[in-house]
Every structure is written in C-alpha cells, then in structure tokens.
C-alpha cells in the first residue's frame, strides 16, 4: 500500500509526521511518500520536496513564489503517474492543496483532508469546491464535524492533533519527574505573587501588531494590582529580540512594570501563570489544557474589522470559545464602519476576545481574575468542562484508521461515508515540534 501525504507548514509537517507513525504502527509495510518537511522525513516518509520552505503568508510573497508551487504540483502529479498511491492525504495549507487535490482526483486517487480548511468560519462558499475535490474529511472539532456532515461531506471526528502532542509531552514529563496534576492550572501550584503570562504570537507581524496593546494592558493591570509580575513568552531568540525592541521603544511608559522575557518556555510558564493575555491562535488550546483564564487579542485595522464582519460565519475567533458555546457557527453582525468606542466582551465567552480598540476592558478582566478568586475559579470550572469533552489524545490514531480504510476500500471502507471514531491511544510525539502559538 502507498500513501501520499502533503503538509506545507511546520505545524502541518509535525501533524503529518505523527500520522505517518500511526499508519506504520498499524501497517508496517505501508510506503509513505509526499511533500513535507523534516518531521515527516524523520518518520520515514520519502519526500519529493520540502514544501515547508514555502510556508508563506503575504499575498505578494505567494505571487512571487507561484512558479515554485506550480513546479511542486507537477512533481507531485508525476509521482501519482509513476507510482500511483492508494490515497492522497492533505494536511492544512489549503491554497496549494486545492491544486493538489484537483490533480489527484483527475487520476482517480481518493483525497483525504486532515486539519481541513476552516471554511465553516470563513468563505463557506468553498464547500462546493471541497465536495468536488475531497472524498473524506478528518475533522478536529465536534462542531466542525457536524458542519461538514450537514453540508454533505464525508467526515470522521478524530480530535485535534494538538492534544496528541500535549499528552505525549505530559507522559514524557511524568516518566522523567513523576506524575503531575492533570489540571496544570491549579492555583496552589503558583507562586504567591501572581504571574500574568503575555503571549504576543509566533509570527513577526503578530508581535508588531499586538505587543504594544498587550503591554499597555499590563501597565494598567500593574497600576491596579501592584504585586503582579509579567512574563512575555517568546518562541525563540529571534522573536525575543523583537519583543525587546518593542519594550525598548515604549521606554518610560513601562517604568515600574515587573516584566521579563522568556524564550522557549511557554508550557512551563503556563503552570506558573494565574492568567494570561494572548494573541489568537492554537495556543488557546494549550491555555485550555492548562486551565489558564485568558484574554484573547488580535489587533486588526478598521477596514479589516468591517470586511471580516461580512465574511465571518463563526461567532468567535478563538477555538476555546467556539467549543464552549452551543451554536458556534452562524451569521455575525455585519458592520459598515469600525467601532469608535470600547465594546465589552461577549459574556458567553470563556476567553474574552478583542479585535479593535478595547484595551481598558482587556486589563479589567485580568485585574478581576487577580483580585477576585471566585471569578477566576468560575472560569477554571468552565475550562474544566470543555477540556473534559475535547482535550484527549488519539487524533493521529483515529486518523490513521480512517486513512487506511479509504486506501483499502475507498469511501465504502468508512461504513456509509462517515463516523465519529472511538477514543484511542495517542500516537506519540516527534522531537520536531512546532510552537503552540501557531495559528
């Protein structure tokens, strides 16, 4: 049996690598080949090329690299013709993967999407393209699975691959240091002087757009809770330097703020933190697992605020909030102009979200959590309820079962086109791990 996999970003490379490991654990003679990165290669996947080198965000960069994407798509198609795979598995990176899915489908190769594009949140009209090009979806979230099924897609609910990584890391820590509490966020584990964790994102433009607002909220918090300490979690030394540059630029406005910058310690810092302010991204899932009350920020321009109000179909921007509410997907209020005044957070949110000019309210939540233990414990109780439902490993194991079923029997191998999948053991981790900040 031959499985073709493609992952275009470091996080996708990691998830695909764990999936390769789970596939080989079930069927050791499976040949895995495709486009990806060093994590996939380390698990024995034969790479046609390193697609992760082209993980670009900006439209202009995509245009400038268009010829390289076309060349990679052609090389993948040549692989389809020379050594026909039994299934093509795409991991995230939808822009390029639409091309690849089209090439696989025209050669009659079943297409499975793992970590599918979030078209339930943005651009839902793309479901027509997805029905045409994708045979089966491996859904990470319960409401995502339900939405795809309602739209006529074949889907398996496998769970979020992030939790595979988290459970593997916790198992490794237990082996090294003995058992730890399942709830990393238990208040008795924290120092007496409260620590507020500041997570400005894992991309340079995120830090540039958000860190100033986050630090201003920290200053206001410190004025109202003088014994609070603040820690900025940076992904690596490069981003720590950018953080330091921003701190230096703000100069005297930060005078008296007990602030330090830590590199590569996000997970351990969460165990110390009483609460956090974080840029929106999958880091919210780690904050959920650690039971850390968090304010979510993602600064956008007034124009972008208006545009997103017309195209967004998810009630919230943060996965934790989408998992917590009863109806996460639905029309949002369309706006004709950016808000000119401070707008409080939605009371249904576990993690208050802010997209525009709401800095005073950001600090207000943090102050409340630091000074009113009952309010903070109420948030932790809600986080416990969500985590009990979704924070389980085994995504790669369930995904591997579905991939092998499609490879062996096509869509008929999944008994009627979709199933929810049963809980299974985590597929393990790989030392090539992306940051939890990745969006």
Protein backbone atom coordinates (compact mmCIF):
# COMPACT_ATOMS: atom_id res chain seq x y z
CA UNK A 1 0.00 0.00 0.00
CA UNK A 2 1.20 3.51 -0.85
CA UNK A 3 0.06 6.68 0.97
CA UNK A 4 0.85 10.13 -0.42
CA UNK A 5 0.93 12.91 2.19
CA UNK A 6 1.42 16.65 1.80
CA UNK A 7 1.99 19.27 4.52
CA UNK A 8 3.01 22.84 3.78
CA UNK A 9 3.73 24.44 7.16
CA UNK A 10 5.90 23.41 10.14
CA UNK A 11 2.82 22.61 12.25
CA UNK A 12 1.34 20.53 9.42
CA UNK A 13 4.68 18.77 8.97
CA UNK A 14 4.55 17.77 12.64
CA UNK A 15 0.95 16.55 12.47
CA UNK A 16 1.66 14.60 9.27
CA UNK A 17 4.73 13.03 10.88
CA UNK A 18 2.71 11.74 13.84
CA UNK A 19 0.12 10.44 11.37
CA UNK A 20 2.85 8.59 9.41
CA UNK A 21 4.00 6.99 12.65
CA UNK A 22 0.45 5.89 13.49
CA UNK A 23 -0.07 4.47 9.98
CA UNK A 24 3.16 2.50 10.11
CA UNK A 25 2.29 1.20 13.59
CA UNK A 26 -0.84 -0.35 12.11
CA UNK A 27 0.58 -1.49 8.81
CA UNK A 28 4.41 -1.52 8.79
CA UNK A 29 4.72 -2.29 5.09
CA UNK A 30 2.90 0.90 4.02
CA UNK A 31 5.06 3.15 1.84
CA UNK A 32 4.62 6.83 2.72
CA UNK A 33 5.75 9.45 0.21
CA UNK A 34 4.95 13.08 -0.43
CA UNK A 35 5.64 16.76 0.14
CA UNK A 36 6.51 17.94 3.62
CA UNK A 37 9.37 18.77 5.91
CA UNK A 38 11.99 17.35 8.25
CA UNK A 39 9.49 15.85 10.71
CA UNK A 40 7.87 13.70 8.03
CA UNK A 41 11.28 12.67 6.73
CA UNK A 42 12.35 11.65 10.24
CA UNK A 43 9.37 9.28 10.41
CA UNK A 44 10.38 7.54 7.18
CA UNK A 45 8.27 9.44 4.66
CA UNK A 46 10.09 9.71 1.32
CA UNK A 47 9.95 13.39 0.39
CA UNK A 48 9.68 14.58 -3.19
CA UNK A 49 10.47 18.10 -1.91
CA UNK A 50 10.41 20.17 1.26
CA UNK A 51 7.15 22.10 0.95
CA UNK A 52 7.55 23.73 4.37
CA UNK A 53 10.20 26.01 2.88
CA UNK A 54 7.36 27.75 1.04
CA UNK A 55 5.13 28.40 4.06
CA UNK A 56 4.24 31.98 3.10
CA UNK A 57 1.52 34.29 4.42
CA UNK A 58 1.57 37.53 2.49
CA UNK A 59 -0.22 37.71 -0.87
CA UNK A 60 2.79 39.29 -2.62
CA UNK A 61 5.10 36.51 -1.41
CA UNK A 62 2.65 33.91 -2.71
CA UNK A 63 2.66 35.59 -6.14
CA UNK A 64 6.46 35.79 -6.19
CA UNK A 65 6.68 32.05 -5.41
CA UNK A 66 3.87 30.97 -7.69
CA UNK A 67 6.21 29.28 -10.19
CA UNK A 68 7.66 27.16 -7.39
CA UNK A 69 4.22 26.00 -6.27
CA UNK A 70 3.34 25.07 -9.85
CA UNK A 71 6.56 23.08 -10.16
CA UNK A 72 5.85 21.19 -6.91
CA UNK A 73 2.30 20.38 -8.04
CA UNK A 74 3.66 18.98 -11.30
CA UNK A 75 6.25 16.89 -9.47
CA UNK A 76 3.55 15.51 -7.20
CA UNK A 77 1.40 14.66 -10.22
CA UNK A 78 4.35 12.88 -11.82
CA UNK A 79 4.58 10.79 -8.65
CA UNK A 80 0.86 9.98 -8.98
CA UNK A 81 1.51 8.69 -12.51
CA UNK A 82 4.77 6.85 -11.88
CA UNK A 83 3.78 5.16 -8.60
CA UNK A 84 0.06 5.56 -8.08
CA UNK A 85 -0.81 5.98 -4.38
CA UNK A 86 -3.88 4.37 -2.82
CA UNK A 87 -4.84 7.61 -1.10
CA UNK A 88 -3.70 11.26 -1.03
CA UNK A 89 -3.72 12.86 2.44
CA UNK A 90 -3.57 16.67 2.63
CA UNK A 91 -2.69 18.42 5.89
CA UNK A 92 -3.81 22.06 6.28
CA UNK A 93 -2.27 24.59 3.77
CA UNK A 94 -5.45 24.78 1.64
CA UNK A 95 -4.31 27.26 -1.03
CA UNK A 96 -1.76 24.88 -2.52
CA UNK A 97 -3.66 21.75 -1.58
CA UNK A 98 -6.67 22.66 -3.73
CA UNK A 99 -4.32 22.33 -6.71
CA UNK A 100 -3.01 19.02 -5.44
CA UNK A 101 -6.49 17.66 -4.73
CA UNK A 102 -7.58 18.51 -8.29
CA UNK A 103 -4.62 16.60 -9.73
CA UNK A 104 -5.24 13.58 -7.50
CA UNK A 105 -8.95 13.48 -8.31
CA UNK A 106 -8.44 13.63 -12.06
CA UNK A 107 -6.32 10.48 -11.75
CA UNK A 108 -8.95 8.74 -9.63
CA UNK A 109 -6.96 8.87 -6.37
CA UNK A 110 -9.11 9.26 -3.19
CA UNK A 111 -8.38 12.52 -1.33
CA UNK A 112 -8.49 12.85 2.46
CA UNK A 113 -8.09 16.22 4.22
CA UNK A 114 -6.56 16.15 7.74
CA UNK A 115 -6.79 19.50 9.60
CA UNK A 116 -9.15 20.77 6.89
CA UNK A 117 -9.55 24.47 6.00
CA UNK A 118 -11.87 26.31 8.37
CA UNK A 119 -14.44 27.13 5.72
CA UNK A 120 -17.15 26.91 8.37
CA UNK A 121 -15.68 30.18 9.70
CA UNK A 122 -14.60 31.98 6.52
CA UNK A 123 -15.64 31.63 2.90
CA UNK A 124 -18.23 28.89 3.34
CA UNK A 125 -18.96 29.02 -0.41
CA UNK A 126 -15.80 26.90 -0.82
CA UNK A 127 -17.78 23.88 0.37
CA UNK A 128 -18.75 23.33 -3.28
CA UNK A 129 -15.08 23.02 -4.22
CA UNK A 130 -14.49 20.75 -1.25
CA UNK A 131 -17.33 18.39 -2.19
CA UNK A 132 -15.88 18.16 -5.69
CA UNK A 133 -12.23 17.64 -4.75
CA UNK A 134 -12.20 15.89 -1.35
CA UNK A 135 -13.56 12.41 -0.60
CA UNK A 136 -13.22 12.44 3.18
CA UNK A 137 -12.52 14.97 5.93
CA UNK A 138 -10.76 14.19 9.22
CA UNK A 139 -12.37 16.77 11.49
CA UNK A 140 -10.57 18.10 14.55
CA UNK A 141 -13.54 19.60 16.41
CA UNK A 142 -17.05 18.30 17.18
CA UNK A 143 -18.89 21.28 15.70
CA UNK A 144 -16.61 21.17 12.64
CA UNK A 145 -17.51 17.51 12.06
CA UNK A 146 -21.23 18.26 12.44
CA UNK A 147 -20.99 21.16 9.99
CA UNK A 148 -19.20 19.13 7.32
CA UNK A 149 -21.71 16.28 7.64
CA UNK A 150 -24.61 18.75 7.39
CA UNK A 151 -23.02 20.10 4.19
CA UNK A 152 -22.97 16.62 2.65
CA UNK A 153 -19.28 15.86 3.27
CA UNK A 154 -17.95 12.51 4.44
CA UNK A 155 -16.24 13.18 7.79
CA UNK A 156 -14.63 11.40 10.71
CA UNK A 157 -14.27 13.19 14.04
CA UNK A 158 -10.68 12.40 15.06
CA UNK A 159 -9.99 15.17 17.58
CA UNK A 160 -7.43 17.95 17.47
CA UNK A 161 -3.85 16.77 16.79
CA UNK A 162 -2.52 19.34 19.24
CA UNK A 163 -3.74 17.16 22.11
CA UNK A 164 -1.66 14.23 20.85
CA UNK A 165 1.39 16.43 21.26
CA UNK A 166 0.31 17.67 24.68
CA UNK A 167 -0.43 14.21 26.07
CA UNK A 168 2.86 12.87 24.71
CA UNK A 169 4.74 15.75 26.38
CA UNK A 170 2.93 15.16 29.67
CA UNK A 171 3.74 11.43 29.50
CA UNK A 172 7.41 12.23 28.92
CA UNK A 173 7.37 14.64 31.86
CA UNK A 174 5.73 12.03 34.08
CA UNK A 175 8.39 9.48 33.10
CA UNK A 176 11.15 11.94 33.99
CA UNK A 177 9.74 13.61 37.09
CA UNK A 178 6.84 11.52 38.31
CA UNK A 179 3.08 12.12 37.93
CA UNK A 180 1.77 15.68 37.70
CA UNK A 181 -1.69 17.08 38.18
CA UNK A 182 -3.96 16.69 35.18
CA UNK A 183 -5.02 20.28 35.62
CA UNK A 184 -1.82 22.22 35.11
CA UNK A 185 -3.61 25.37 36.14
CA UNK A 186 -4.31 24.51 39.79
CA UNK A 187 -3.85 27.73 41.78
CA UNK A 188 -1.85 26.05 44.57
CA UNK A 189 0.91 25.32 42.03
CA UNK A 190 1.61 29.02 41.53
CA UNK A 191 3.84 31.48 43.40
CA UNK A 192 2.28 33.91 45.89
CA UNK A 193 2.96 36.96 43.71
CA UNK A 194 0.66 36.40 40.73
CA UNK A 195 2.22 35.94 37.31
CA UNK A 196 0.46 37.23 34.19
CA UNK A 197 1.67 35.50 31.03
CA UNK A 198 1.85 37.63 27.87
CA UNK A 199 1.86 35.71 24.56
CA UNK A 200 2.24 38.07 21.58
CA UNK A 201 2.19 35.42 18.84
CA UNK A 202 4.61 33.31 16.84
CA UNK A 203 4.95 35.50 13.76
CA UNK A 204 6.80 38.76 13.42
CA UNK A 205 3.79 40.68 12.14
CA UNK A 206 1.67 39.41 15.03
CA UNK A 207 4.19 40.71 17.55
CA UNK A 208 4.37 44.06 15.77
CA UNK A 209 0.57 44.42 15.65
CA UNK A 210 -0.29 43.20 19.15
CA UNK A 211 2.55 43.52 21.66
CA UNK A 212 2.10 47.26 22.23
CA UNK A 213 -1.56 46.82 23.17
CA UNK A 214 -0.73 43.84 25.37
CA UNK A 215 1.96 45.78 27.24
CA UNK A 216 -0.34 48.78 27.74
CA UNK A 217 -2.87 46.41 29.30
CA UNK A 218 -0.08 45.06 31.52
CA UNK A 219 0.80 48.59 32.68
CA UNK A 220 -2.81 49.31 33.59
CA UNK A 221 -3.06 45.98 35.41
CA UNK A 222 0.10 46.71 37.40
CA UNK A 223 -1.28 50.07 38.49
CA UNK A 224 -4.30 48.31 39.99
CA UNK A 225 -2.52 45.15 41.20
CA UNK A 226 0.98 46.34 42.21
CA UNK A 227 2.32 42.92 43.22
CA UNK A 228 1.59 41.35 39.80
CA UNK A 229 4.53 40.10 37.73
CA UNK A 230 4.50 39.87 33.94
CA UNK A 231 6.32 37.42 31.67
CA UNK A 232 6.44 37.59 27.88
CA UNK A 233 6.72 34.14 26.32
CA UNK A 234 8.75 34.23 23.09
CA UNK A 235 9.00 31.36 20.63
CA UNK A 236 12.76 31.69 20.03
CA UNK A 237 15.68 34.10 20.34
CA UNK A 238 14.75 35.89 17.11
CA UNK A 239 11.29 36.76 18.40
CA UNK A 240 12.61 37.53 21.87
CA UNK A 241 14.80 40.17 20.25
CA UNK A 242 11.76 41.70 18.51
CA UNK A 243 9.93 41.74 21.84
CA UNK A 244 12.87 43.51 23.48
CA UNK A 245 12.90 46.09 20.69
CA UNK A 246 9.24 46.87 21.30
CA UNK A 247 9.81 47.12 25.04
CA UNK A 248 12.71 49.49 24.42
CA UNK A 249 10.61 51.61 22.05
CA UNK A 250 7.88 52.02 24.67
CA UNK A 251 10.54 53.21 27.11
CA UNK A 252 9.29 55.20 30.07
CA UNK A 253 5.66 54.08 29.62
CA UNK A 254 6.74 50.73 31.10
CA UNK A 255 8.63 52.19 34.06
CA UNK A 256 7.95 50.24 37.22
CA UNK A 257 6.49 47.23 35.38
CA UNK A 258 7.90 43.95 36.74
CA UNK A 259 8.50 42.42 33.32
CA UNK A 260 10.79 39.77 31.92
CA UNK A 261 11.07 37.91 28.61
CA UNK A 262 11.46 34.12 28.49
CA UNK A 263 12.33 32.07 25.40
CA UNK A 264 11.03 28.58 24.62
CA UNK A 265 9.26 28.10 27.97
CA UNK A 266 5.61 28.67 27.07
CA UNK A 267 4.34 25.41 28.52
CA UNK A 268 6.17 25.69 31.84
CA UNK A 269 5.21 29.37 32.13
CA UNK A 270 1.55 28.37 31.88
CA UNK A 271 1.97 26.30 35.02
CA UNK A 272 3.11 29.44 36.84
CA UNK A 273 0.55 31.85 35.41
CA UNK A 274 -2.56 32.99 37.24
CA UNK A 275 -3.94 34.31 33.95
CA UNK A 276 -2.77 35.43 30.52
CA UNK A 277 -3.19 37.82 27.61
CA UNK A 278 -2.58 36.03 24.30
CA UNK A 279 -2.79 36.62 20.59
CA UNK A 280 -5.43 34.41 18.99
CA UNK A 281 -4.15 31.09 17.66
CA UNK A 282 -3.92 27.42 18.58
CA UNK A 283 -2.06 28.48 21.72
CA UNK A 284 -5.58 28.92 23.13
CA UNK A 285 -5.88 25.12 23.21
CA UNK A 286 -2.77 24.87 25.36
CA UNK A 287 -4.16 27.56 27.65
CA UNK A 288 -7.36 25.50 27.83
CA UNK A 289 -5.41 22.37 28.76
CA UNK A 290 -3.50 24.34 31.41
CA UNK A 291 -6.76 25.90 32.72
CA UNK A 292 -5.39 29.46 32.46
CA UNK A 293 -8.01 32.24 32.27
CA UNK A 294 -7.01 34.30 29.24
CA UNK A 295 -7.85 37.48 27.38
CA UNK A 296 -7.54 36.98 23.62
CA UNK A 297 -6.42 39.85 21.41
CA UNK A 298 -5.89 40.12 17.67
CA UNK A 299 -5.42 43.70 16.52
CA UNK A 300 -6.75 44.47 13.06
CA UNK A 301 -7.35 47.69 11.14
CA UNK A 302 -10.73 49.37 10.99
CA UNK A 303 -11.11 48.36 7.35
CA UNK A 304 -10.25 44.72 8.16
CA UNK A 305 -12.75 44.81 11.03
CA UNK A 306 -15.54 45.80 8.64
CA UNK A 307 -14.53 43.24 6.00
CA UNK A 308 -14.33 40.33 8.44
CA UNK A 309 -17.77 41.18 9.81
CA UNK A 310 -19.23 40.47 6.36
CA UNK A 311 -17.38 37.23 5.68
CA UNK A 312 -17.01 35.57 9.07
CA UNK A 313 -19.51 32.85 9.95
CA UNK A 314 -18.13 31.86 13.35
CA UNK A 315 -19.37 33.61 16.46
CA UNK A 316 -15.88 33.84 17.92
CA UNK A 317 -12.29 33.88 16.70
CA UNK A 318 -10.93 31.58 19.43
CA UNK A 319 -11.28 27.80 19.33
CA UNK A 320 -11.90 27.57 23.07
CA UNK A 321 -14.91 29.86 22.80
CA UNK A 322 -16.23 28.02 19.76
CA UNK A 323 -16.00 24.77 21.72
CA UNK A 324 -17.78 26.30 24.72
CA UNK A 325 -20.89 27.83 23.14
CA UNK A 326 -23.93 25.87 21.95
CA UNK A 327 -24.14 27.43 18.48
CA UNK A 328 -20.58 28.32 17.38
CA UNK A 329 -21.36 28.72 13.68
CA UNK A 330 -23.81 31.24 12.37
CA UNK A 331 -24.08 34.71 10.82
CA UNK A 332 -22.29 37.54 12.58
CA UNK A 333 -23.44 41.14 12.76
CA UNK A 334 -22.37 42.95 9.61
CA UNK A 335 -20.90 46.39 10.14
CA UNK A 336 -20.40 49.37 7.85
CA UNK A 337 -17.72 51.09 9.92
CA UNK A 338 -15.18 50.23 12.56
CA UNK A 339 -16.26 50.67 16.20
CA UNK A 340 -15.40 54.09 17.60
CA UNK A 341 -15.86 53.23 21.24
CA UNK A 342 -14.88 50.49 23.62
CA UNK A 343 -17.05 47.36 23.24
CA UNK A 344 -17.18 44.86 26.14
CA UNK A 345 -16.59 41.16 25.52
CA UNK A 346 -19.43 38.72 24.89
CA UNK A 347 -20.50 37.34 28.31
CA UNK A 348 -20.82 33.83 26.81
CA UNK A 349 -17.10 33.69 26.04
CA UNK A 350 -14.76 31.84 28.37
CA UNK A 351 -11.80 33.78 26.95
CA UNK A 352 -12.80 37.42 26.32
CA UNK A 353 -11.91 38.40 22.75
CA UNK A 354 -10.80 41.80 21.47
CA UNK A 355 -10.19 42.74 17.84
CA UNK A 356 -10.02 46.52 17.97
CA UNK A 357 -9.81 49.43 20.45
CA UNK A 358 -10.71 47.74 23.73
CA UNK A 359 -7.52 48.00 25.83
CA UNK A 360 -9.23 49.18 29.08
CA UNK A 361 -11.50 46.16 29.15
CA UNK A 362 -8.55 43.82 28.49
CA UNK A 363 -6.88 44.96 31.69
CA UNK A 364 -10.19 44.87 33.56
CA UNK A 365 -10.57 41.12 33.06
CA UNK A 366 -7.02 40.45 34.27
CA UNK A 367 -7.49 42.64 37.35
CA UNK A 368 -10.73 40.85 38.18
CA UNK A 369 -9.09 37.42 37.93
CA UNK A 370 -6.17 38.54 40.11
CA UNK A 371 -8.28 40.15 42.82
CA UNK A 372 -11.47 38.03 42.87
CA UNK A 373 -10.68 34.35 43.34
CA UNK A 374 -14.33 33.30 42.90
CA UNK A 375 -14.45 34.88 39.43
CA UNK A 376 -11.23 33.19 38.39
CA UNK A 377 -12.38 29.82 39.74
CA UNK A 378 -15.63 30.15 37.79
CA UNK A 379 -13.61 30.49 34.58
CA UNK A 380 -11.49 27.46 35.51
CA UNK A 381 -14.65 25.44 36.14
CA UNK A 382 -15.87 26.24 32.63
CA UNK A 383 -12.45 25.35 31.21
CA UNK A 384 -12.57 22.02 33.03
CA UNK A 385 -15.93 21.22 31.42
CA UNK A 386 -14.67 21.96 27.91
CA UNK A 387 -11.36 20.14 28.44
CA UNK A 388 -13.16 17.05 29.74
CA UNK A 389 -15.03 16.88 26.42
CA UNK A 390 -12.27 17.60 23.91
CA UNK A 391 -8.77 17.60 25.43
CA UNK A 392 -7.95 13.96 24.66
CA UNK A 393 -5.16 12.39 22.63
CA UNK A 394 -5.60 9.84 19.89
CA UNK A 395 -6.23 12.10 16.90
CA UNK A 396 -3.45 10.54 14.83
CA UNK A 397 -4.56 7.01 15.77
CA UNK A 398 -8.12 7.63 14.64
CA UNK A 399 -6.92 9.48 11.54
CA UNK A 400 -4.64 6.57 10.61
CA UNK A 401 -7.55 4.12 10.85
CA UNK A 402 -9.64 6.30 8.54
CA UNK A 403 -6.81 6.80 6.03
CA UNK A 404 -6.12 3.08 5.83
CA UNK A 405 -9.84 2.36 5.41
CA UNK A 406 -10.04 4.79 2.48
CA UNK A 407 -6.82 3.43 0.98
CA UNK A 408 -8.13 -0.13 1.18
CA UNK A 409 -11.75 0.30 0.14
CA UNK A 410 -12.35 3.94 -0.82
CA UNK A 411 -15.23 5.75 0.85
CA UNK A 412 -17.06 2.46 1.27
CA UNK A 413 -14.39 1.49 3.80
CA UNK A 414 -15.83 4.02 6.23
CA UNK A 415 -19.23 2.34 6.56
CA UNK A 416 -21.63 4.72 4.95
CA UNK A 417 -19.32 7.67 4.42
CA UNK A 418 -18.70 8.99 7.94
CA UNK A 419 -18.32 8.00 11.54
CA UNK A 420 -17.28 9.72 14.72
CA UNK A 421 -14.42 7.43 15.64
CA UNK A 422 -13.76 5.96 19.07
CA UNK A 423 -11.21 7.19 21.52
CA UNK A 424 -7.86 5.57 21.12
CA UNK A 425 -4.32 5.87 22.42
CA UNK A 426 -2.23 8.82 21.40
CA UNK A 427 0.08 8.10 18.53
CA UNK A 428 3.09 9.53 20.25
CA UNK A 429 5.20 12.59 19.60
CA UNK A 430 8.12 13.57 17.49
CA UNK A 431 11.02 15.75 18.58
CA UNK A 432 10.25 18.07 15.66
CA UNK A 433 7.51 20.05 17.44
CA UNK A 434 6.03 23.39 16.33
CA UNK A 435 5.21 26.20 18.69
CA UNK A 436 1.81 26.19 20.30
CA UNK A 437 1.48 29.81 19.13
CA UNK A 438 0.98 28.68 15.53
CA UNK A 439 -2.29 29.86 14.15
